Amino acid sequence: MGRKVTAKTIEKEATLLCEKTLSLLGFDIKPKVTQKEGAVHVEIEGDDLGLLIGQHGSNLESLQLFLGIALNKKLGTEKWVPVLVDVGGWRKQREEAIRDMIEKAIERINQGESQAELPPMSPAQRRAAHLIIADKGFSSESVGVGDERRIVIKKTNA
């Protein structure tokens, strides 16, 4: 059975874990750790963060997964505490780019195309895109396999 922990404890443990992990990876950076909407948000700023982001955010996604598993194992709580990591504002910039792609795709659909396809994305990016698309009143589905998995947007049948 899991234990109860305070928000302050979660933040402290997340900060220590992030600092140790970054140090072991060879980075001398102090992450900014906060809690919002039930999740731990880790912001990492500094110079030469490309290696930490990786190609198309692959290292960033791996770091986020690792920190999430490690933190939740350390806390031993009943409820999973999500961990969201952003390095150098990359995730925020990527989300804006995805929003722009979705807007353009929806514009094409509104001008007569039956559907629009977005380029391949990571699972986390597709998840965010599906939520954005649903908020705009359209339906979406993921198609393809592996690294070629992408989203197709269609008008919702009302």
N, C-alpha and C. Protein backbone atom coordinates (compact mmCIF):
# COMPACT_ATOMS: atom_id res chain seq x y z
N MET A 1 0.84 -1.18 0.00
CA MET A 1 0.00 0.00 0.00
C MET A 1 0.89 1.24 0.00
N GLY A 2 0.52 2.24 -0.77
CA GLY A 2 1.32 3.46 -0.90
C GLY A 2 1.18 4.36 0.31
N ARG A 3 2.11 5.28 0.40
CA ARG A 3 2.09 6.22 1.52
C ARG A 3 1.68 7.60 1.03
N LYS A 4 1.29 8.45 1.96
CA LYS A 4 0.91 9.83 1.64
C LYS A 4 2.16 10.70 1.76
N VAL A 5 2.35 11.59 0.79
CA VAL A 5 3.47 12.53 0.85
C VAL A 5 2.95 13.93 0.54
N THR A 6 3.64 14.92 1.08
CA THR A 6 3.22 16.30 0.86
C THR A 6 3.77 16.81 -0.47
N ALA A 7 3.18 17.89 -0.95
CA ALA A 7 3.64 18.51 -2.19
C ALA A 7 5.09 18.97 -2.04
N LYS A 8 5.43 19.46 -0.85
CA LYS A 8 6.80 19.92 -0.60
C LYS A 8 7.80 18.76 -0.69
N THR A 9 7.41 17.60 -0.17
CA THR A 9 8.27 16.41 -0.24
C THR A 9 8.46 15.97 -1.68
N ILE A 10 7.39 15.98 -2.45
CA ILE A 10 7.46 15.58 -3.85
C ILE A 10 8.42 16.51 -4.60
N GLU A 11 8.26 17.81 -4.39
CA GLU A 11 9.11 18.79 -5.06
C GLU A 11 10.59 18.62 -4.66
N LYS A 12 10.82 18.41 -3.38
CA LYS A 12 12.20 18.22 -2.88
C LYS A 12 12.83 16.98 -3.50
N GLU A 13 12.11 15.86 -3.47
CA GLU A 13 12.63 14.62 -4.03
C GLU A 13 12.87 14.74 -5.53
N ALA A 14 11.94 15.39 -6.23
CA ALA A 14 12.09 15.58 -7.68
C ALA A 14 13.31 16.43 -7.99
N THR A 15 13.53 17.48 -7.21
CA THR A 15 14.69 18.35 -7.41
C THR A 15 15.98 17.59 -7.20
N LEU A 16 16.08 16.84 -6.10
CA LEU A 16 17.29 16.06 -5.81
C LEU A 16 17.55 15.03 -6.91
N LEU A 17 16.50 14.34 -7.34
CA LEU A 17 16.63 13.32 -8.38
C LEU A 17 17.10 13.94 -9.70
N CYS A 18 16.51 15.08 -10.07
CA CYS A 18 16.88 15.76 -11.31
C CYS A 18 18.33 16.24 -11.26
N GLU A 19 18.71 16.86 -10.16
CA GLU A 19 20.08 17.36 -10.02
C GLU A 19 21.09 16.22 -10.12
N LYS A 20 20.83 15.12 -9.44
CA LYS A 20 21.75 13.97 -9.46
C LYS A 20 21.83 13.37 -10.87
N THR A 21 20.67 13.22 -11.52
CA THR A 21 20.65 12.66 -12.87
C THR A 21 21.41 13.55 -13.85
N LEU A 22 21.15 14.84 -13.80
CA LEU A 22 21.85 15.77 -14.70
C LEU A 22 23.35 15.78 -14.42
N SER A 23 23.73 15.70 -13.16
CA SER A 23 25.15 15.65 -12.80
C SER A 23 25.81 14.39 -13.37
N LEU A 24 25.14 13.26 -13.22
CA LEU A 24 25.68 12.00 -13.76
C LEU A 24 25.80 12.04 -15.28
N LEU A 25 24.93 12.82 -15.92
CA LEU A 25 24.99 12.97 -17.38
C LEU A 25 26.03 14.00 -17.81
N GLY A 26 26.67 14.66 -16.83
CA GLY A 26 27.73 15.62 -17.15
C GLY A 26 27.26 17.05 -17.29
N PHE A 27 26.06 17.36 -16.81
CA PHE A 27 25.53 18.72 -16.89
C PHE A 27 25.58 19.37 -15.51
N ASP A 28 26.09 20.58 -15.45
CA ASP A 28 26.12 21.35 -14.21
C ASP A 28 25.00 22.38 -14.27
N ILE A 29 23.77 21.90 -14.11
CA ILE A 29 22.57 22.73 -14.28
C ILE A 29 21.66 22.50 -13.09
N LYS A 30 21.04 23.57 -12.62
CA LYS A 30 20.04 23.47 -11.55
C LYS A 30 18.66 23.56 -12.20
N PRO A 31 17.90 22.47 -12.19
CA PRO A 31 16.56 22.51 -12.79
C PRO A 31 15.58 23.28 -11.92
N LYS A 32 14.56 23.84 -12.54
CA LYS A 32 13.48 24.49 -11.81
C LYS A 32 12.34 23.48 -11.73
N VAL A 33 12.00 23.07 -10.51
CA VAL A 33 10.97 22.06 -10.31
C VAL A 33 9.77 22.71 -9.61
N THR A 34 8.59 22.56 -10.23
CA THR A 34 7.35 23.08 -9.65
C THR A 34 6.26 22.03 -9.79
N GLN A 35 5.16 22.27 -9.09
CA GLN A 35 4.00 21.39 -9.23
C GLN A 35 2.82 22.20 -9.72
N LYS A 36 2.19 21.70 -10.79
CA LYS A 36 1.00 22.35 -11.34
C LYS A 36 0.05 21.25 -11.80
N GLU A 37 -1.22 21.45 -11.51
CA GLU A 37 -2.27 20.56 -12.00
C GLU A 37 -1.96 19.09 -11.72
N GLY A 38 -1.43 18.81 -10.53
CA GLY A 38 -1.17 17.43 -10.13
C GLY A 38 0.05 16.78 -10.76
N ALA A 39 0.86 17.54 -11.47
CA ALA A 39 2.05 16.99 -12.11
C ALA A 39 3.29 17.76 -11.66
N VAL A 40 4.43 17.10 -11.72
CA VAL A 40 5.71 17.74 -11.44
C VAL A 40 6.24 18.27 -12.76
N HIS A 41 6.54 19.57 -12.80
CA HIS A 41 7.09 20.20 -14.00
C HIS A 41 8.55 20.52 -13.77
N VAL A 42 9.40 20.03 -14.67
CA VAL A 42 10.83 20.26 -14.57
C VAL A 42 11.26 21.09 -15.77
N GLU A 43 11.81 22.27 -15.49
CA GLU A 43 12.32 23.13 -16.56
C GLU A 43 13.83 23.18 -16.44
N ILE A 44 14.50 22.85 -17.53
CA ILE A 44 15.96 22.84 -17.56
C ILE A 44 16.40 23.88 -18.57
N GLU A 45 17.16 24.85 -18.10
CA GLU A 45 17.66 25.93 -18.95
C GLU A 45 19.18 25.94 -18.89
N GLY A 46 19.81 26.38 -19.96
CA GLY A 46 21.26 26.48 -19.99
C GLY A 46 21.76 26.50 -21.41
N ASP A 47 23.08 26.35 -21.55
CA ASP A 47 23.71 26.34 -22.86
C ASP A 47 23.97 24.91 -23.31
N ASP A 48 24.06 24.72 -24.62
CA ASP A 48 24.41 23.42 -25.21
C ASP A 48 23.52 22.29 -24.70
N LEU A 49 22.22 22.47 -24.83
CA LEU A 49 21.27 21.47 -24.34
C LEU A 49 20.80 20.51 -25.44
N GLY A 50 21.38 20.64 -26.63
CA GLY A 50 20.97 19.79 -27.75
C GLY A 50 21.08 18.31 -27.44
N LEU A 51 22.13 17.92 -26.76
CA LEU A 51 22.32 16.51 -26.42
C LEU A 51 21.21 16.04 -25.48
N LEU A 52 20.79 16.90 -24.58
CA LEU A 52 19.74 16.55 -23.63
C LEU A 52 18.38 16.44 -24.33
N ILE A 53 18.18 17.22 -25.39
CA ILE A 53 16.94 17.16 -26.16
C ILE A 53 16.95 15.96 -27.10
N GLY A 54 18.04 15.75 -27.81
CA GLY A 54 18.14 14.64 -28.75
C GLY A 54 17.40 14.91 -30.04
N GLN A 55 17.55 13.98 -30.98
CA GLN A 55 16.89 14.13 -32.28
C GLN A 55 15.38 14.02 -32.11
N HIS A 56 14.67 15.06 -32.54
CA HIS A 56 13.21 15.12 -32.45
C HIS A 56 12.71 14.93 -31.02
N GLY A 57 13.54 15.30 -30.02
CA GLY A 57 13.12 15.22 -28.62
C GLY A 57 13.22 13.84 -28.01
N SER A 58 13.91 12.91 -28.68
CA SER A 58 13.95 11.52 -28.19
C SER A 58 14.64 11.42 -26.83
N ASN A 59 15.74 12.14 -26.62
CA ASN A 59 16.42 12.08 -25.32
C ASN A 59 15.57 12.75 -24.24
N LEU A 60 14.90 13.81 -24.60
CA LEU A 60 14.01 14.51 -23.67
C LEU A 60 12.89 13.57 -23.21
N GLU A 61 12.29 12.84 -24.13
CA GLU A 61 11.24 11.88 -23.79
C GLU A 61 11.78 10.79 -22.87
N SER A 62 12.99 10.31 -23.16
CA SER A 62 13.60 9.26 -22.33
C SER A 62 13.90 9.77 -20.94
N LEU A 63 14.43 11.00 -20.85
CA LEU A 63 14.72 11.60 -19.56
C LEU A 63 13.43 11.76 -18.75
N GLN A 64 12.37 12.21 -19.40
CA GLN A 64 11.08 12.37 -18.72
C GLN A 64 10.56 11.04 -18.20
N LEU A 65 10.65 10.00 -19.01
CA LEU A 65 10.20 8.67 -18.61
C LEU A 65 11.01 8.17 -17.41
N PHE A 66 12.34 8.31 -17.50
CA PHE A 66 13.21 7.87 -16.41
C PHE A 66 12.89 8.59 -15.11
N LEU A 67 12.79 9.93 -15.19
CA LEU A 67 12.52 10.71 -13.98
C LEU A 67 11.16 10.36 -13.39
N GLY A 68 10.19 10.12 -14.23
CA GLY A 68 8.86 9.75 -13.75
C GLY A 68 8.88 8.42 -13.00
N ILE A 69 9.53 7.44 -13.58
CA ILE A 69 9.61 6.12 -12.94
C ILE A 69 10.41 6.21 -11.64
N ALA A 70 11.57 6.85 -11.70
CA ALA A 70 12.44 6.95 -10.52
C ALA A 70 11.76 7.71 -9.39
N LEU A 71 11.12 8.82 -9.70
CA LEU A 71 10.46 9.62 -8.66
C LEU A 71 9.31 8.84 -8.02
N ASN A 72 8.49 8.21 -8.82
CA ASN A 72 7.35 7.48 -8.27
C ASN A 72 7.79 6.26 -7.47
N LYS A 73 8.87 5.63 -7.89
CA LYS A 73 9.42 4.50 -7.12
C LYS A 73 9.92 5.01 -5.77
N LYS A 74 10.64 6.12 -5.78
CA LYS A 74 11.19 6.70 -4.55
C LYS A 74 10.07 7.14 -3.61
N LEU A 75 9.03 7.78 -4.14
CA LEU A 75 7.94 8.26 -3.30
C LEU A 75 7.10 7.12 -2.74
N GLY A 76 6.89 6.07 -3.52
CA GLY A 76 6.10 4.93 -3.08
C GLY A 76 4.65 5.26 -2.79
N THR A 77 4.10 6.23 -3.52
CA THR A 77 2.71 6.63 -3.31
C THR A 77 1.75 5.73 -4.08
N GLU A 78 0.49 5.76 -3.65
CA GLU A 78 -0.53 4.98 -4.35
C GLU A 78 -0.81 5.56 -5.73
N LYS A 79 -0.90 6.89 -5.79
CA LYS A 79 -1.25 7.56 -7.03
C LYS A 79 0.01 7.98 -7.79
N TRP A 80 0.05 7.67 -9.07
CA TRP A 80 1.18 8.03 -9.93
C TRP A 80 1.26 9.54 -10.07
N VAL A 81 2.47 10.08 -9.88
CA VAL A 81 2.69 11.52 -10.03
C VAL A 81 3.35 11.73 -11.39
N PRO A 82 2.63 12.34 -12.36
CA PRO A 82 3.22 12.57 -13.67
C PRO A 82 4.38 13.57 -13.59
N VAL A 83 5.41 13.34 -14.40
CA VAL A 83 6.55 14.24 -14.49
C VAL A 83 6.66 14.74 -15.92
N LEU A 84 6.66 16.06 -16.09
CA LEU A 84 6.77 16.68 -17.41
C LEU A 84 8.06 17.48 -17.46
N VAL A 85 8.91 17.16 -18.42
CA VAL A 85 10.22 17.82 -18.53
C VAL A 85 10.27 18.66 -19.80
N ASP A 86 10.78 19.88 -19.67
CA ASP A 86 11.02 20.75 -20.82
C ASP A 86 12.47 21.22 -20.76
N VAL A 87 13.17 21.07 -21.84
CA VAL A 87 14.58 21.46 -21.90
C VAL A 87 14.71 22.63 -22.86
N GLY A 88 15.16 23.75 -22.33
CA GLY A 88 15.40 24.93 -23.15
C GLY A 88 14.16 25.42 -23.89
N GLY A 89 12.98 25.14 -23.35
CA GLY A 89 11.73 25.56 -23.98
C GLY A 89 11.38 24.76 -25.23
N TRP A 90 12.09 23.66 -25.50
CA TRP A 90 11.88 22.87 -26.71
C TRP A 90 10.45 22.33 -26.78
N ARG A 91 9.97 21.76 -25.68
CA ARG A 91 8.62 21.15 -25.68
C ARG A 91 7.56 22.21 -25.97
N LYS A 92 7.70 23.37 -25.37
CA LYS A 92 6.74 24.45 -25.58
C LYS A 92 6.75 24.91 -27.04
N GLN A 93 7.94 25.06 -27.62
CA GLN A 93 8.06 25.46 -29.02
C GLN A 93 7.45 24.40 -29.93
N ARG A 94 7.70 23.14 -29.61
CA ARG A 94 7.18 22.04 -30.42
C ARG A 94 5.65 22.01 -30.37
N GLU A 95 5.09 22.27 -29.19
CA GLU A 95 3.63 22.28 -29.07
C GLU A 95 3.03 23.40 -29.91
N GLU A 96 3.67 24.56 -29.95
CA GLU A 96 3.19 25.67 -30.78
C GLU A 96 3.26 25.29 -32.26
N ALA A 97 4.32 24.61 -32.67
CA ALA A 97 4.45 24.18 -34.06
C ALA A 97 3.35 23.17 -34.42
N ILE A 98 3.03 22.28 -33.49
CA ILE A 98 1.97 21.30 -33.72
C ILE A 98 0.62 22.02 -33.83
N ARG A 99 0.38 23.01 -32.97
CA ARG A 99 -0.87 23.79 -33.04
C ARG A 99 -0.99 24.46 -34.41
N ASP A 100 0.12 25.03 -34.91
CA ASP A 100 0.10 25.68 -36.22
C ASP A 100 -0.21 24.68 -37.33
N MET A 101 0.41 23.48 -37.27
CA MET A 101 0.14 22.44 -38.27
C MET A 101 -1.33 22.04 -38.25
N ILE A 102 -1.89 21.89 -37.05
CA ILE A 102 -3.29 21.51 -36.91
C ILE A 102 -4.20 22.59 -37.49
N GLU A 103 -3.90 23.85 -37.19
CA GLU A 103 -4.71 24.97 -37.73
C GLU A 103 -4.73 24.93 -39.26
N LYS A 104 -3.56 24.74 -39.88
CA LYS A 104 -3.48 24.70 -41.34
C LYS A 104 -4.23 23.49 -41.90
N ALA A 105 -4.12 22.34 -41.23
CA ALA A 105 -4.81 21.14 -41.69
C ALA A 105 -6.33 21.33 -41.60
N ILE A 106 -6.79 21.91 -40.51
CA ILE A 106 -8.23 22.16 -40.34
C ILE A 106 -8.73 23.15 -41.38
N GLU A 107 -7.91 24.13 -41.70
CA GLU A 107 -8.25 25.10 -42.75
C GLU A 107 -8.47 24.38 -44.09
N ARG A 108 -7.58 23.43 -44.41
CA ARG A 108 -7.72 22.67 -45.67
C ARG A 108 -9.01 21.85 -45.66
N ILE A 109 -9.34 21.26 -44.52
CA ILE A 109 -10.57 20.47 -44.42
C ILE A 109 -11.79 21.38 -44.59
N ASN A 110 -11.76 22.54 -43.97
CA ASN A 110 -12.87 23.49 -44.09
C ASN A 110 -13.03 24.02 -45.52
N GLN A 111 -11.96 23.95 -46.31
CA GLN A 111 -12.02 24.40 -47.70
C GLN A 111 -12.39 23.27 -48.66
N GLY A 112 -12.72 22.09 -48.12
CA GLY A 112 -13.24 21.04 -48.99
C GLY A 112 -12.52 19.70 -48.96
N GLU A 113 -11.31 19.64 -48.43
CA GLU A 113 -10.63 18.34 -48.36
C GLU A 113 -11.36 17.46 -47.36
N SER A 114 -11.39 16.15 -47.64
CA SER A 114 -12.13 15.24 -46.76
C SER A 114 -11.35 14.95 -45.47
N GLN A 115 -10.03 15.00 -45.56
CA GLN A 115 -9.19 14.75 -44.39
C GLN A 115 -7.82 15.39 -44.59
N ALA A 116 -7.07 15.49 -43.51
CA ALA A 116 -5.71 16.03 -43.59
C ALA A 116 -4.81 15.16 -42.73
N GLU A 117 -3.60 14.96 -43.22
CA GLU A 117 -2.64 14.12 -42.52
C GLU A 117 -1.48 14.96 -42.00
N LEU A 118 -1.12 14.73 -40.75
CA LEU A 118 0.02 15.42 -40.15
C LEU A 118 1.26 14.56 -40.31
N PRO A 119 2.45 15.14 -40.23
CA PRO A 119 3.68 14.34 -40.34
C PRO A 119 3.86 13.43 -39.12
N PRO A 120 4.74 12.44 -39.22
CA PRO A 120 4.99 11.54 -38.08
C PRO A 120 5.42 12.30 -36.83
N MET A 121 4.96 11.82 -35.68
CA MET A 121 5.26 12.44 -34.38
C MET A 121 5.50 11.35 -33.34
N SER A 122 6.11 11.76 -32.23
CA SER A 122 6.31 10.85 -31.11
C SER A 122 4.96 10.59 -30.43
N PRO A 123 4.86 9.53 -29.64
CA PRO A 123 3.60 9.25 -28.95
C PRO A 123 3.11 10.44 -28.10
N ALA A 124 4.00 11.09 -27.38
CA ALA A 124 3.60 12.22 -26.53
C ALA A 124 3.07 13.38 -27.38
N GLN A 125 3.69 13.62 -28.52
CA GLN A 125 3.24 14.70 -29.40
C GLN A 125 1.89 14.35 -30.03
N ARG A 126 1.71 13.09 -30.40
CA ARG A 126 0.42 12.67 -30.96
C ARG A 126 -0.69 12.80 -29.93
N ARG A 127 -0.39 12.42 -28.69
CA ARG A 127 -1.38 12.54 -27.61
C ARG A 127 -1.83 14.00 -27.46
N ALA A 128 -0.87 14.91 -27.43
CA ALA A 128 -1.18 16.34 -27.32
C ALA A 128 -1.98 16.80 -28.54
N ALA A 129 -1.60 16.35 -29.72
CA ALA A 129 -2.30 16.75 -30.94
C ALA A 129 -3.75 16.25 -30.94
N HIS A 130 -3.97 15.01 -30.50
CA HIS A 130 -5.34 14.48 -30.44
C HIS A 130 -6.21 15.36 -29.53
N LEU A 131 -5.67 15.80 -28.40
CA LEU A 131 -6.42 16.65 -27.48
C LEU A 131 -6.75 18.00 -28.11
N ILE A 132 -5.78 18.59 -28.80
CA ILE A 132 -5.99 19.88 -29.46
C ILE A 132 -7.06 19.75 -30.54
N ILE A 133 -6.96 18.67 -31.32
CA ILE A 133 -7.91 18.44 -32.42
C ILE A 133 -9.33 18.26 -31.87
N ALA A 134 -9.46 17.48 -30.80
CA ALA A 134 -10.78 17.25 -30.19
C ALA A 134 -11.38 18.56 -29.68
N ASP A 135 -10.54 19.42 -29.11
CA ASP A 135 -11.01 20.72 -28.62
C ASP A 135 -11.55 21.59 -29.75
N LYS A 136 -11.08 21.36 -30.96
CA LYS A 136 -11.51 22.15 -32.11
C LYS A 136 -12.73 21.54 -32.79
N GLY A 137 -13.23 20.41 -32.24
CA GLY A 137 -14.44 19.81 -32.77
C GLY A 137 -14.23 18.88 -33.96
N PHE A 138 -13.02 18.39 -34.15
CA PHE A 138 -12.73 17.46 -35.24
C PHE A 138 -12.35 16.12 -34.64
N SER A 139 -12.37 15.07 -35.47
CA SER A 139 -11.94 13.75 -35.01
C SER A 139 -10.55 13.45 -35.57
N SER A 140 -9.85 12.57 -34.90
CA SER A 140 -8.51 12.22 -35.35
C SER A 140 -8.22 10.77 -35.01
N GLU A 141 -7.33 10.19 -35.78
CA GLU A 141 -6.87 8.83 -35.49
C GLU A 141 -5.41 8.71 -35.88
N SER A 142 -4.70 7.85 -35.18
CA SER A 142 -3.30 7.59 -35.50
C SER A 142 -3.25 6.44 -36.50
N VAL A 143 -2.42 6.61 -37.52
CA VAL A 143 -2.23 5.57 -38.53
C VAL A 143 -0.73 5.37 -38.74
N GLY A 144 -0.39 4.23 -39.31
CA GLY A 144 1.02 3.95 -39.57
C GLY A 144 1.62 3.14 -38.44
N VAL A 145 2.91 2.81 -38.63
CA VAL A 145 3.61 1.95 -37.68
C VAL A 145 4.94 2.57 -37.30
N GLY A 146 5.31 2.38 -36.04
CA GLY A 146 6.63 2.80 -35.57
C GLY A 146 6.89 4.28 -35.73
N ASP A 147 8.07 4.61 -36.27
CA ASP A 147 8.48 6.00 -36.45
C ASP A 147 7.63 6.74 -37.49
N GLU A 148 6.86 6.00 -38.28
CA GLU A 148 6.02 6.61 -39.32
C GLU A 148 4.59 6.83 -38.85
N ARG A 149 4.31 6.62 -37.56
CA ARG A 149 2.96 6.80 -37.03
C ARG A 149 2.60 8.28 -37.05
N ARG A 150 1.43 8.59 -37.60
CA ARG A 150 1.01 9.97 -37.77
C ARG A 150 -0.49 10.08 -37.54
N ILE A 151 -0.99 11.30 -37.57
CA ILE A 151 -2.41 11.56 -37.29
C ILE A 151 -3.14 11.98 -38.56
N VAL A 152 -4.36 11.44 -38.70
CA VAL A 152 -5.25 11.86 -39.78
C VAL A 152 -6.43 12.57 -39.11
N ILE A 153 -6.72 13.78 -39.60
CA ILE A 153 -7.80 14.61 -39.06
C ILE A 153 -8.98 14.57 -40.03
N LYS A 154 -10.19 14.41 -39.46
CA LYS A 154 -11.42 14.40 -40.27
C LYS A 154 -12.48 15.24 -39.56
N LYS A 155 -13.48 15.66 -40.34
CA LYS A 155 -14.62 16.34 -39.74
C LYS A 155 -15.36 15.34 -38.85
N THR A 156 -15.88 15.83 -37.75
CA THR A 156 -16.66 14.97 -36.86
C THR A 156 -18.04 14.78 -37.46
N ASN A 157 -18.50 13.54 -37.48
CA ASN A 157 -19.85 13.25 -37.98
C ASN A 157 -20.85 13.67 -36.92
N ALA A 158 -21.57 14.75 -37.20
CA ALA A 158 -22.53 15.25 -36.20
C ALA A 158 -23.95 15.03 -36.66
